[in-house]
Amino acid sequence: MRTVRFWSVLLGLLYATTACSFAQGRGDERALLIVLNKSDAQAALVNPATYEVESLLETGQGPHEVAASPDGRYAYVTNYGLYGAATPGHKPENEPGNTITVLDLMNRKVHATWDLGSFSQPHGIAVSRSGRLVWVTCEGAQAVLELDAGTGKLTRIWKTNQNASHMIVASQDEKKLYVSNIRSGTVSVIDRTRPTDGTAAPNIATGASPEGIALSPDGREVWVGNRGANSIAVIDTATDKVTASFSSGGKAPIRVKFTPDGKEAWVSNAESNTVCVLDGATHALLATIETGAGPVGTVIPPDGKRVFIAATRANQVVVVDRASRQIVKRLKTGAEPDGMAWAAAP
């Protein structure tokens, strides 16, 4: 009888261990590449190992940018709204959006939709390292909002009083937020340590039509892509002054992303249909890669081995091997892929 009980207990332990291992290896435990298909009003959840689109989730109209929570459980999508080109004899049908779609990445479903009220045209978005706060730019209100990541409750508002406050990045200590203002030619610096009193944030002139913006991994610099000047401006985060300006290597630098080691910055030049690789220290042009029409959104995973680029007008996501700088895959995720994010395995 004791022998039977021994084997029964042992088999039970083996079963529990096996079940646990199986659960840890399920598909919903993997990292995800999130791609926003603007014209489809959908978010594609892509398996970065197989390059398969595993789920398509509905968003609001005109999803432009997305940010994932640090634990990989949720993603936050800005619904900018519909903006169409005018046909002969007609005005463009513009419908500003004012919502954020929250995606449940574990269960592959829409978790919530946050209504921003009068704060229209939400675009750039970032999540705090704690995962508790979401920061979003609202072009229609010339403002930056701070939201509770769990409830969507508005906790703080900062005015930029600048035209087209578009993209946003936080400083390493998260005490400051840097916001690119396309039509004003400036970057707003929001000091989160000071009370919100309605005073507009100070602005730094960087060049014509600043849009793409990225913080260097060491936190010392913010690089800004000046779309109208075909240049990159470097802001020293200690002084908040522009310390360097140089060519982006192409036309209309619309996004900037650093490799995790900070040695390279990848710049998508939307009108050149290229991505340029710049040296993070010397600013030298290291390589130019032809991607396809309209490269915009760019994601570099934490291991730094691949670069994902959304070629918007080609309806493709291009995968580049960082070491060889060769295109290894072209993905079809939907119509007009643009904003992208990397979600860590939960």
Protein backbone atom coordinates (compact mmCIF):
# COMPACT_ATOMS: atom_id res chain seq x y z
CA MET A 1 0.00 0.00 0.00
CA ARG A 2 2.84 2.39 0.84
CA THR A 3 4.44 1.68 -2.56
CA VAL A 4 1.19 2.51 -4.37
CA ARG A 5 0.83 5.77 -2.43
CA PHE A 6 4.46 6.70 -3.20
CA TRP A 7 4.01 6.27 -6.94
CA SER A 8 0.66 8.07 -6.81
CA VAL A 9 2.25 11.11 -5.15
CA LEU A 10 5.22 11.04 -7.53
CA LEU A 11 2.98 10.88 -10.61
CA GLY A 12 0.93 13.77 -9.23
CA LEU A 13 4.04 15.91 -8.83
CA LEU A 14 5.22 15.03 -12.35
CA TYR A 15 1.81 15.97 -13.76
CA ALA A 16 1.81 19.32 -11.96
CA THR A 17 5.34 20.10 -13.18
CA THR A 18 4.45 19.18 -16.75
CA ALA A 19 1.29 21.28 -16.68
CA CYS A 20 3.21 24.25 -15.35
CA SER A 21 5.86 23.90 -18.08
CA PHE A 22 3.14 23.68 -20.72
CA ALA A 23 1.49 26.83 -19.42
CA GLN A 24 4.79 28.72 -19.50
CA GLY A 25 5.29 27.73 -23.12
CA ARG A 26 1.87 28.78 -24.40
CA GLY A 27 1.60 31.28 -27.22
CA ASP A 28 0.15 33.95 -24.94
CA GLU A 29 3.41 34.00 -22.95
CA ARG A 30 5.51 35.17 -25.92
CA ALA A 31 6.60 38.65 -26.83
CA LEU A 32 4.49 40.39 -29.46
CA LEU A 33 5.01 42.92 -32.20
CA ILE A 34 2.00 45.24 -32.32
CA VAL A 35 1.31 46.89 -35.68
CA LEU A 36 -1.40 49.49 -36.22
CA ASN A 37 -3.16 49.28 -39.59
CA LYS A 38 -4.45 52.84 -39.94
CA SER A 39 -6.87 52.37 -42.81
CA ASP A 40 -8.32 49.17 -41.31
CA ALA A 41 -8.75 50.64 -37.80
CA GLN A 42 -7.11 47.52 -36.42
CA ALA A 43 -4.14 46.42 -34.34
CA ALA A 44 -2.32 43.36 -35.63
CA LEU A 45 -0.65 41.15 -33.01
CA VAL A 46 2.32 39.53 -34.74
CA ASN A 47 4.38 36.57 -33.51
CA PRO A 48 7.95 37.88 -33.98
CA ALA A 49 9.35 34.34 -34.16
CA THR A 50 7.10 33.06 -36.96
CA TYR A 51 6.07 36.45 -38.42
CA GLU A 52 2.44 35.32 -38.36
CA VAL A 53 -0.44 37.67 -37.56
CA GLU A 54 -2.05 35.87 -34.63
CA SER A 55 -4.87 38.33 -33.89
CA LEU A 56 -6.56 41.40 -35.34
CA LEU A 57 -8.21 43.67 -32.78
CA GLU A 58 -10.53 46.57 -33.54
CA THR A 59 -9.45 50.09 -32.55
CA GLY A 60 -10.97 53.51 -33.11
CA GLN A 61 -10.66 55.34 -36.41
CA GLY A 62 -7.17 56.31 -37.51
CA PRO A 63 -5.00 54.48 -34.96
CA HIS A 64 -1.62 56.21 -35.16
CA GLU A 65 0.64 55.25 -32.23
CA VAL A 66 0.78 52.47 -29.65
CA ALA A 67 2.71 51.84 -26.42
CA ALA A 68 2.85 48.63 -24.39
CA SER A 69 2.93 48.30 -20.62
CA PRO A 70 6.30 47.13 -19.22
CA ASP A 71 4.78 43.81 -18.07
CA GLY A 72 3.50 43.05 -21.59
CA ARG A 73 -0.13 42.70 -20.51
CA TYR A 74 -1.68 45.79 -22.08
CA ALA A 75 -1.19 48.14 -25.02
CA TYR A 76 -2.57 51.64 -25.44
CA VAL A 77 -3.60 52.90 -28.90
CA THR A 78 -4.22 56.55 -29.82
CA ASN A 79 -7.17 56.97 -32.19
CA TYR A 80 -6.30 60.14 -34.08
CA GLY A 81 -9.40 60.10 -36.28
CA LEU A 82 -10.06 60.20 -40.02
CA TYR A 83 -8.26 62.66 -42.26
CA GLY A 84 -8.86 62.21 -45.98
CA ALA A 85 -7.52 64.07 -48.98
CA ALA A 86 -9.93 66.39 -50.75
CA THR A 87 -11.44 65.20 -54.03
CA PRO A 88 -12.08 67.75 -56.82
CA GLY A 89 -14.98 70.02 -55.85
CA HIS A 90 -15.20 68.66 -52.30
CA LYS A 91 -13.66 69.46 -48.94
CA PRO A 92 -11.73 66.73 -47.11
CA GLU A 93 -13.88 64.79 -44.64
CA ASN A 94 -12.00 65.29 -41.40
CA GLU A 95 -13.25 63.60 -38.25
CA PRO A 96 -10.96 64.23 -35.26
CA GLY A 97 -10.72 61.31 -32.84
CA ASN A 98 -10.67 61.59 -29.06
CA THR A 99 -10.26 58.06 -27.71
CA ILE A 100 -7.64 55.58 -26.58
CA THR A 101 -8.18 51.85 -27.10
CA VAL A 102 -6.73 49.60 -24.40
CA LEU A 103 -5.78 46.13 -25.65
CA ASP A 104 -5.63 43.08 -23.40
CA LEU A 105 -2.63 41.26 -24.89
CA MET A 106 -2.95 38.18 -22.70
CA ASN A 107 -6.52 37.43 -23.74
CA ARG A 108 -6.25 39.02 -27.21
CA LYS A 109 -9.23 41.35 -26.85
CA VAL A 110 -10.18 45.00 -26.40
CA HIS A 111 -10.08 45.73 -22.68
CA ALA A 112 -11.47 49.30 -22.66
CA THR A 113 -11.97 52.49 -24.63
CA TRP A 114 -11.11 55.76 -22.92
CA ASP A 115 -13.01 58.89 -23.98
CA LEU A 116 -10.80 61.99 -23.79
CA GLY A 117 -13.69 64.43 -24.24
CA SER A 118 -12.55 67.74 -25.70
CA PHE A 119 -8.93 66.59 -25.97
CA SER A 120 -8.95 65.66 -29.63
CA GLN A 121 -6.44 64.16 -32.05
CA PRO A 122 -4.47 62.03 -29.58
CA HIS A 123 -1.22 60.93 -31.19
CA GLY A 124 2.08 60.31 -29.37
CA ILE A 125 1.90 57.98 -26.38
CA ALA A 126 4.23 56.57 -23.71
CA VAL A 127 3.87 54.41 -20.58
CA SER A 128 5.81 54.99 -17.37
CA ARG A 129 8.34 52.38 -16.22
CA SER A 130 6.03 51.49 -13.33
CA GLY A 131 3.20 50.84 -15.78
CA ARG A 132 0.90 53.06 -13.71
CA LEU A 133 0.81 56.17 -15.92
CA VAL A 134 0.16 56.90 -19.58
CA TRP A 135 1.25 60.13 -21.27
CA VAL A 136 -0.40 61.23 -24.51
CA THR A 137 -0.17 64.24 -26.81
CA CYS A 138 -3.41 65.80 -28.10
CA GLU A 139 -2.83 67.91 -31.19
CA GLY A 140 -6.35 69.37 -31.25
CA ALA A 141 -5.96 70.75 -27.72
CA GLN A 142 -2.23 71.65 -27.88
CA ALA A 143 -1.79 69.65 -24.72
CA VAL A 144 -0.21 66.64 -23.06
CA LEU A 145 -2.30 64.48 -20.74
CA GLU A 146 -1.30 62.18 -17.90
CA LEU A 147 -3.72 59.29 -17.36
CA ASP A 148 -4.07 56.53 -14.79
CA ALA A 149 -3.12 53.37 -16.71
CA GLY A 150 -5.62 51.25 -14.81
CA THR A 151 -8.70 53.42 -15.12
CA GLY A 152 -8.00 55.99 -17.82
CA LYS A 153 -8.72 58.77 -15.34
CA LEU A 154 -7.18 62.12 -16.26
CA THR A 155 -4.71 63.13 -13.54
CA ARG A 156 -2.72 66.04 -15.05
CA ILE A 157 -2.80 68.38 -18.05
CA TRP A 158 0.05 70.41 -19.51
CA LYS A 159 -0.41 73.00 -22.26
CA THR A 160 2.20 73.26 -25.00
CA ASN A 161 0.43 76.07 -26.90
CA GLN A 162 2.26 74.74 -29.94
CA ASN A 163 0.89 73.55 -33.26
CA ALA A 164 0.75 69.78 -33.90
CA SER A 165 2.19 68.45 -30.62
CA HIS A 166 2.89 65.06 -32.11
CA MET A 167 5.37 62.62 -30.52
CA ILE A 168 6.51 62.21 -26.91
CA VAL A 169 9.38 60.67 -24.99
CA ALA A 170 10.19 60.69 -21.26
CA SER A 171 13.57 61.39 -19.74
CA GLN A 172 15.37 58.54 -18.03
CA ASP A 173 14.23 59.62 -14.56
CA GLU A 174 10.76 60.47 -15.95
CA LYS A 175 10.91 63.94 -14.45
CA LYS A 176 10.67 65.53 -17.91
CA LEU A 177 8.64 64.87 -21.05
CA TYR A 178 9.89 65.97 -24.47
CA VAL A 179 7.23 66.69 -27.12
CA SER A 180 7.85 67.41 -30.81
CA ASN A 181 5.64 70.15 -32.27
CA ILE A 182 5.59 69.75 -36.03
CA ARG A 183 4.13 73.02 -37.27
CA SER A 184 5.80 75.17 -34.61
CA GLY A 185 9.29 73.83 -35.28
CA THR A 186 9.92 73.22 -31.58
CA VAL A 187 10.25 70.62 -28.84
CA SER A 188 8.35 71.34 -25.61
CA VAL A 189 10.00 70.37 -22.32
CA ILE A 190 7.47 69.48 -19.62
CA ASP A 191 8.80 69.44 -16.06
CA ARG A 192 6.73 66.86 -14.17
CA THR A 193 8.18 67.92 -10.82
CA ARG A 194 6.45 71.30 -10.97
CA PRO A 195 2.76 71.93 -10.28
CA THR A 196 0.41 72.10 -13.22
CA ASP A 197 -0.70 75.73 -13.22
CA GLY A 198 -1.71 76.25 -16.82
CA THR A 199 1.64 77.80 -17.76
CA ALA A 200 2.85 76.65 -21.17
CA ALA A 201 5.96 74.46 -21.21
CA PRO A 202 9.23 76.04 -22.42
CA ASN A 203 10.10 75.26 -26.04
CA ILE A 204 13.34 74.51 -27.89
CA ALA A 205 13.68 75.48 -31.56
CA THR A 206 15.10 72.44 -33.39
CA GLY A 207 14.39 72.95 -37.10
CA ALA A 208 11.57 72.74 -39.60
CA SER A 209 8.79 70.26 -38.83
CA PRO A 210 10.25 68.20 -35.96
CA GLU A 211 8.48 64.87 -35.61
CA GLY A 212 10.45 61.72 -34.73
CA ILE A 213 11.98 61.84 -31.26
CA ALA A 214 14.06 59.39 -29.21
CA LEU A 215 15.99 59.29 -25.95
CA SER A 216 19.48 57.80 -26.06
CA PRO A 217 19.86 54.67 -23.87
CA ASP A 218 22.21 56.53 -21.49
CA GLY A 219 19.59 59.26 -21.05
CA ARG A 220 21.96 62.07 -21.99
CA GLU A 221 20.53 63.06 -25.36
CA VAL A 222 17.22 63.45 -27.17
CA TRP A 223 17.46 63.12 -30.95
CA VAL A 224 14.82 64.89 -33.03
CA GLY A 225 14.08 64.26 -36.71
CA ASN A 226 13.30 67.55 -38.45
CA ARG A 227 11.10 66.37 -41.29
CA GLY A 228 11.10 69.69 -43.14
CA ALA A 229 14.84 70.31 -42.77
CA ASN A 230 16.06 66.75 -43.47
CA SER A 231 18.14 66.99 -40.33
CA ILE A 232 18.63 65.56 -36.86
CA ALA A 233 18.89 67.90 -33.87
CA VAL A 234 20.51 66.68 -30.64
CA ILE A 235 19.25 68.05 -27.32
CA ASP A 236 21.42 67.75 -24.21
CA THR A 237 19.02 66.61 -21.47
CA ALA A 238 21.16 68.23 -18.76
CA THR A 239 20.86 71.73 -20.27
CA ASP A 240 17.89 71.30 -22.65
CA LYS A 241 19.87 73.00 -25.40
CA VAL A 242 20.57 71.86 -28.97
CA THR A 243 24.21 70.79 -29.11
CA ALA A 244 24.42 69.38 -32.64
CA SER A 245 22.56 69.31 -35.95
CA PHE A 246 23.39 67.14 -38.97
CA SER A 247 21.89 65.50 -42.03
CA SER A 248 19.44 62.63 -41.57
CA GLY A 249 20.86 60.99 -44.70
CA GLY A 250 17.58 61.30 -46.58
CA LYS A 251 14.35 63.25 -47.01
CA ALA A 252 11.70 63.68 -44.29
CA PRO A 253 13.20 61.98 -41.20
CA ILE A 254 9.95 60.95 -39.56
CA ARG A 255 11.05 58.49 -36.86
CA VAL A 256 14.25 57.93 -34.86
CA LYS A 257 15.10 54.80 -32.85
CA PHE A 258 18.27 53.89 -30.93
CA THR A 259 19.64 50.39 -30.72
CA PRO A 260 19.67 49.14 -27.10
CA ASP A 261 23.46 49.57 -26.87
CA GLY A 262 23.18 53.17 -28.09
CA LYS A 263 25.80 52.63 -30.80
CA GLU A 264 23.39 53.28 -33.65
CA ALA A 265 20.34 55.39 -34.42
CA TRP A 266 18.00 54.19 -37.18
CA VAL A 267 16.17 57.00 -38.97
CA SER A 268 13.25 56.39 -41.29
CA ASN A 269 13.25 58.93 -44.12
CA ALA A 270 9.69 58.81 -45.39
CA GLU A 271 10.16 60.64 -48.70
CA SER A 272 13.39 58.85 -49.61
CA ASN A 273 11.86 55.41 -48.96
CA THR A 274 14.98 54.61 -46.97
CA VAL A 275 16.19 54.00 -43.45
CA CYS A 276 19.58 55.45 -42.56
CA VAL A 277 21.84 54.06 -39.85
CA LEU A 278 23.76 56.77 -38.00
CA ASP A 279 26.62 56.38 -35.53
CA GLY A 280 25.33 57.24 -32.06
CA ALA A 281 28.60 58.94 -31.05
CA THR A 282 30.06 60.49 -34.20
CA HIS A 283 26.75 60.99 -36.09
CA ALA A 284 28.39 59.52 -39.21
CA LEU A 285 26.20 57.83 -41.82
CA LEU A 286 26.90 54.09 -41.59
CA ALA A 287 24.37 52.64 -44.02
CA THR A 288 21.33 53.41 -46.16
CA ILE A 289 18.68 50.72 -46.61
CA GLU A 290 15.91 50.88 -49.20
CA THR A 291 12.72 49.75 -47.49
CA GLY A 292 9.75 50.41 -49.74
CA ALA A 293 7.36 53.33 -49.95
CA GLY A 294 6.82 55.51 -46.90
CA PRO A 295 8.88 54.05 -44.03
CA VAL A 296 7.52 55.40 -40.75
CA GLY A 297 7.08 53.35 -37.55
CA THR A 298 10.26 51.65 -36.32
CA VAL A 299 10.77 49.07 -33.57
CA ILE A 300 14.03 47.56 -32.32
CA PRO A 301 13.51 44.63 -29.88
CA PRO A 302 15.51 44.50 -26.63
CA ASP A 303 18.07 42.04 -28.04
CA GLY A 304 18.93 44.53 -30.78
CA LYS A 305 19.26 41.89 -33.49
CA ARG A 306 16.42 42.96 -35.79
CA VAL A 307 14.74 46.17 -36.84
CA PHE A 308 11.05 46.31 -37.83
CA ILE A 309 10.01 49.16 -40.12
CA ALA A 310 6.47 49.97 -41.26
CA ALA A 311 6.58 50.86 -44.96
CA THR A 312 3.20 52.57 -44.81
CA ARG A 313 2.53 53.25 -48.47
CA ALA A 314 3.78 49.80 -49.47
CA ASN A 315 1.41 48.11 -46.97
CA GLN A 316 4.32 46.12 -45.56
CA VAL A 317 6.36 45.71 -42.42
CA VAL A 318 9.99 45.23 -43.35
CA VAL A 319 12.29 43.14 -41.13
CA VAL A 320 16.00 44.02 -41.28
CA ASP A 321 18.86 41.98 -39.82
CA ARG A 322 20.86 44.55 -37.88
CA ALA A 323 24.28 42.92 -38.30
CA SER A 324 24.11 42.46 -42.07
CA ARG A 325 21.66 45.33 -42.67
CA GLN A 326 19.82 43.10 -45.10
CA ILE A 327 16.04 42.76 -45.39
CA VAL A 328 15.11 39.25 -44.27
CA LYS A 329 11.31 39.43 -44.38
CA ARG A 330 8.39 41.50 -45.64
CA LEU A 331 5.13 41.11 -43.70
CA LYS A 332 1.55 41.89 -44.69
CA THR A 333 -0.38 42.93 -41.59
CA GLY A 334 -3.12 45.09 -43.11
CA ALA A 335 -3.73 48.41 -44.83
CA GLU A 336 -1.38 51.30 -44.09
CA PRO A 337 0.74 49.94 -41.22
CA ASP A 338 2.22 52.82 -39.22
CA GLY A 339 2.66 52.93 -35.43
CA MET A 340 4.27 49.88 -33.83
CA ALA A 341 5.35 48.67 -30.40
CA TRP A 342 7.14 45.73 -28.82
CA ALA A 343 5.34 43.99 -25.97
CA ALA A 344 7.48 41.87 -23.67
CA ALA A 345 6.43 38.36 -22.75
CA PRO A 346 4.22 38.68 -19.64
